[in-house]
């Protein structure tokens, strides 16, 4: 509900509602009252200090154009409501997709954390076996290489979780950055 694109479309729909209301009211008669007060007058109206006027305006011969304006306003309102509905559905789908991406990233983070623990354990066992003469230096180097690769994968998973969380906030319309306290 706080996404800028949806807020703009809601404002456009409100403007279309006002336009339709104005088109309907254009058929109403208009009554207007005017009055003037004079400080100084000359001639035959010398003794009259004020005058007034009541005007009634009614559009008799412009019914077709008023009906056309009203139908146009209804059409714009229907179009704006359809666009708003479509944008809300699209936003809901985008938020759901971003949520699923975040969940997948969190699961990957959990799995890479487990893999790092296993790689550390494997390296420790390979190093112990090397000291006992049961493993070669190539096996120890392979375990060390796998340990470093596991650490790199874990860091990439952490970055992906942060990115997906940021994208979820962006898709939902939440503020991306907190206000700095003064």
Protein backbone atom coordinates (compact mmCIF):
# COMPACT_ATOMS: atom_id res chain seq x y z
CA UNK A 1 0.00 0.00 0.00
CA UNK A 2 2.99 2.33 0.35
CA UNK A 3 4.51 1.73 -3.08
CA UNK A 4 4.84 5.00 -5.00
CA UNK A 5 3.39 3.55 -8.21
CA UNK A 6 0.24 2.43 -6.39
CA UNK A 7 -0.10 5.74 -4.53
CA UNK A 8 0.08 7.62 -7.85
CA UNK A 9 -2.58 5.40 -9.42
CA UNK A 10 -4.84 5.86 -6.37
CA UNK A 11 -4.50 9.64 -6.74
CA UNK A 12 -5.32 9.39 -10.45
CA UNK A 13 -8.43 7.37 -9.60
CA UNK A 14 -9.46 10.00 -7.04
CA UNK A 15 -8.98 12.73 -9.66
CA UNK A 16 -11.16 10.74 -12.08
CA UNK A 17 -13.86 10.44 -9.39
CA UNK A 18 -13.77 14.22 -8.93
CA UNK A 19 -13.90 14.72 -12.70
CA UNK A 20 -17.00 12.49 -12.89
CA UNK A 21 -18.60 14.37 -10.01
CA UNK A 22 -17.90 17.69 -11.74
CA UNK A 23 -19.37 16.38 -15.01
CA UNK A 24 -22.56 15.30 -13.20
CA UNK A 25 -22.87 18.66 -11.44
CA UNK A 26 -22.49 20.57 -14.70
CA UNK A 27 -26.16 19.73 -15.44
CA UNK A 28 -27.36 21.41 -12.25
CA UNK A 29 -28.71 24.95 -12.42
CA UNK A 30 -26.44 27.69 -11.11
CA UNK A 31 -27.85 30.38 -8.81
CA UNK A 32 -25.68 33.37 -8.13
CA UNK A 33 -26.29 36.52 -6.06
CA UNK A 34 -24.34 39.74 -6.46
CA UNK A 35 -24.54 42.97 -4.53
CA UNK A 36 -22.87 46.38 -4.67
CA UNK A 37 -22.72 49.22 -2.17
CA UNK A 38 -21.95 52.73 -3.46
CA UNK A 39 -20.35 55.52 -1.45
CA UNK A 40 -21.20 58.20 -3.99
CA UNK A 41 -23.61 58.15 -6.95
CA UNK A 42 -24.81 60.81 -9.32
CA UNK A 43 -27.79 61.20 -11.58
CA UNK A 44 -31.18 59.59 -11.06
CA UNK A 45 -29.73 56.91 -8.79
CA UNK A 46 -28.29 59.50 -6.43
CA UNK A 47 -30.45 58.36 -3.50
CA UNK A 48 -29.78 54.61 -4.00
CA UNK A 49 -26.82 53.36 -1.94
CA UNK A 50 -26.86 49.74 -3.05
CA UNK A 51 -28.19 47.36 -5.65
CA UNK A 52 -28.46 43.57 -5.94
CA UNK A 53 -28.77 40.97 -8.62
CA UNK A 54 -29.93 37.34 -8.53
CA UNK A 55 -28.93 35.24 -11.55
CA UNK A 56 -30.23 31.79 -12.47
CA UNK A 57 -28.28 29.94 -15.16
CA UNK A 58 -29.54 26.72 -16.67
CA UNK A 59 -27.93 24.87 -19.54
CA UNK A 60 -30.80 23.98 -21.86
CA UNK A 61 -29.11 23.35 -25.19
CA UNK A 62 -25.84 21.69 -24.18
CA UNK A 63 -27.20 18.37 -22.91
CA UNK A 64 -25.34 16.34 -25.54
CA UNK A 65 -21.94 17.79 -24.71
CA UNK A 66 -22.60 17.40 -20.97
CA UNK A 67 -23.60 13.76 -21.49
CA UNK A 68 -20.47 13.17 -23.56
CA UNK A 69 -18.29 14.73 -20.83
CA UNK A 70 -19.95 12.54 -18.22
CA UNK A 71 -19.46 9.39 -20.30
CA UNK A 72 -15.80 10.32 -20.87
CA UNK A 73 -15.32 10.83 -17.13
CA UNK A 74 -16.92 7.42 -16.42
CA UNK A 75 -14.64 5.81 -18.98
CA UNK A 76 -11.54 7.42 -17.44
CA UNK A 77 -12.62 6.31 -13.98
CA UNK A 78 -13.09 2.72 -15.16
CA UNK A 79 -9.70 2.80 -16.87
CA UNK A 80 -7.97 4.19 -13.77
CA UNK A 81 -9.63 1.57 -11.55
CA UNK A 82 -8.47 -1.20 -13.91
CA UNK A 83 -4.91 0.14 -13.90
CA UNK A 84 -4.92 0.38 -10.10
CA UNK A 85 -6.23 -3.16 -9.76
CA UNK A 86 -3.59 -4.44 -12.17
CA UNK A 87 -0.81 -2.59 -10.33
CA UNK A 88 -1.96 -3.99 -6.99
CA UNK A 89 -1.96 -7.54 -8.37
CA UNK A 90 1.47 -7.02 -9.92
CA UNK A 91 2.83 -5.60 -6.65
CA UNK A 92 1.45 -8.55 -4.72
CA UNK A 93 3.15 -10.97 -7.13
CA UNK A 94 6.43 -9.06 -6.97
CA UNK A 95 6.36 -9.05 -3.17
CA UNK A 96 5.60 -12.78 -3.09
CA UNK A 97 8.49 -13.43 -5.48
CA UNK A 98 10.87 -11.32 -3.42
CA UNK A 99 9.75 -13.16 -0.28
CA UNK A 100 10.41 -16.53 -1.92
CA UNK A 101 13.85 -15.35 -3.05
CA UNK A 102 14.67 -14.28 0.51
CA UNK A 103 13.53 -17.62 1.91
CA UNK A 104 15.69 -19.47 -0.63
CA UNK A 105 18.68 -17.28 0.23
CA UNK A 106 18.21 -17.95 3.93
CA UNK A 107 18.08 -21.70 3.25
CA UNK A 108 21.27 -21.43 1.17
CA UNK A 109 22.92 -19.53 4.02
CA UNK A 110 21.99 -22.30 6.46
CA UNK A 111 23.35 -24.98 4.11
CA UNK A 112 26.59 -23.09 3.44
CA UNK A 113 27.06 -22.64 7.19
CA UNK A 114 26.76 -26.41 7.64
CA UNK A 115 29.15 -26.99 4.71
CA UNK A 116 31.72 -24.67 6.31
CA UNK A 117 31.53 -26.62 9.55
CA UNK A 118 32.06 -29.87 7.66
CA UNK A 119 34.96 -28.39 5.65
CA UNK A 120 36.65 -27.19 8.87
CA UNK A 121 36.20 -30.62 10.40
CA UNK A 122 37.57 -32.31 7.26
CA UNK A 123 40.61 -30.04 7.18
CA UNK A 124 41.32 -30.73 10.86
CA UNK A 125 41.10 -34.48 10.28
CA UNK A 126 43.27 -34.33 7.14
CA UNK A 127 45.93 -32.27 8.98
CA UNK A 128 45.92 -34.77 11.88
CA UNK A 129 46.24 -37.67 9.44
CA UNK A 130 49.14 -35.89 7.70
CA UNK A 131 50.98 -35.55 11.01
CA UNK A 132 50.51 -39.28 11.53
CA UNK A 133 51.65 -40.05 7.99
CA UNK A 134 48.24 -41.35 6.89
CA UNK A 135 47.54 -38.53 4.35
CA UNK A 136 49.58 -36.75 1.70
CA UNK A 137 50.18 -33.04 1.49
CA UNK A 138 47.96 -32.91 -1.63
CA UNK A 139 45.02 -34.25 0.37
CA UNK A 140 45.62 -31.64 3.06
CA UNK A 141 45.89 -28.87 0.44
CA UNK A 142 42.67 -30.12 -1.20
CA UNK A 143 40.88 -29.95 2.16
CA UNK A 144 42.30 -26.45 2.77
CA UNK A 145 41.15 -25.36 -0.69
CA UNK A 146 37.67 -26.72 0.02
CA UNK A 147 37.63 -24.85 3.36
CA UNK A 148 38.44 -21.54 1.66
CA UNK A 149 35.84 -22.19 -1.03
CA UNK A 150 33.24 -22.92 1.67
CA UNK A 151 34.07 -19.62 3.41
CA UNK A 152 33.75 -17.74 0.10
CA UNK A 153 30.39 -19.41 -0.64
CA UNK A 154 29.16 -18.53 2.85
CA UNK A 155 30.09 -14.86 2.38
CA UNK A 156 28.34 -14.79 -1.00
CA UNK A 157 25.24 -16.30 0.62
CA UNK A 158 25.31 -13.61 3.34
CA UNK A 159 25.54 -10.89 0.70
CA UNK A 160 22.67 -12.49 -1.24
CA UNK A 161 20.48 -12.56 1.89
CA UNK A 162 21.12 -8.84 2.47
CA UNK A 163 20.39 -8.08 -1.19
CA UNK A 164 17.16 -10.10 -1.16
CA UNK A 165 16.04 -8.43 2.07
CA UNK A 166 16.71 -5.03 0.50
CA UNK A 167 14.77 -6.02 -2.64
CA UNK A 168 11.84 -7.23 -0.53
CA UNK A 169 11.72 -3.87 1.23
CA UNK A 170 11.83 -2.10 -2.13
CA UNK A 171 9.04 -4.25 -3.59
CA UNK A 172 6.82 -3.80 -0.54
CA UNK A 173 7.23 -0.02 -0.51
CA UNK A 174 8.83 0.05 2.94
CA UNK A 175 11.39 2.77 3.60
CA UNK A 176 14.76 1.51 2.39
CA UNK A 177 16.88 3.43 4.88
CA UNK A 178 16.12 4.39 8.46
CA UNK A 179 16.12 8.08 9.30
CA UNK A 180 19.31 9.15 11.05
CA UNK A 181 18.61 10.47 14.54
CA UNK A 182 19.71 14.04 15.13
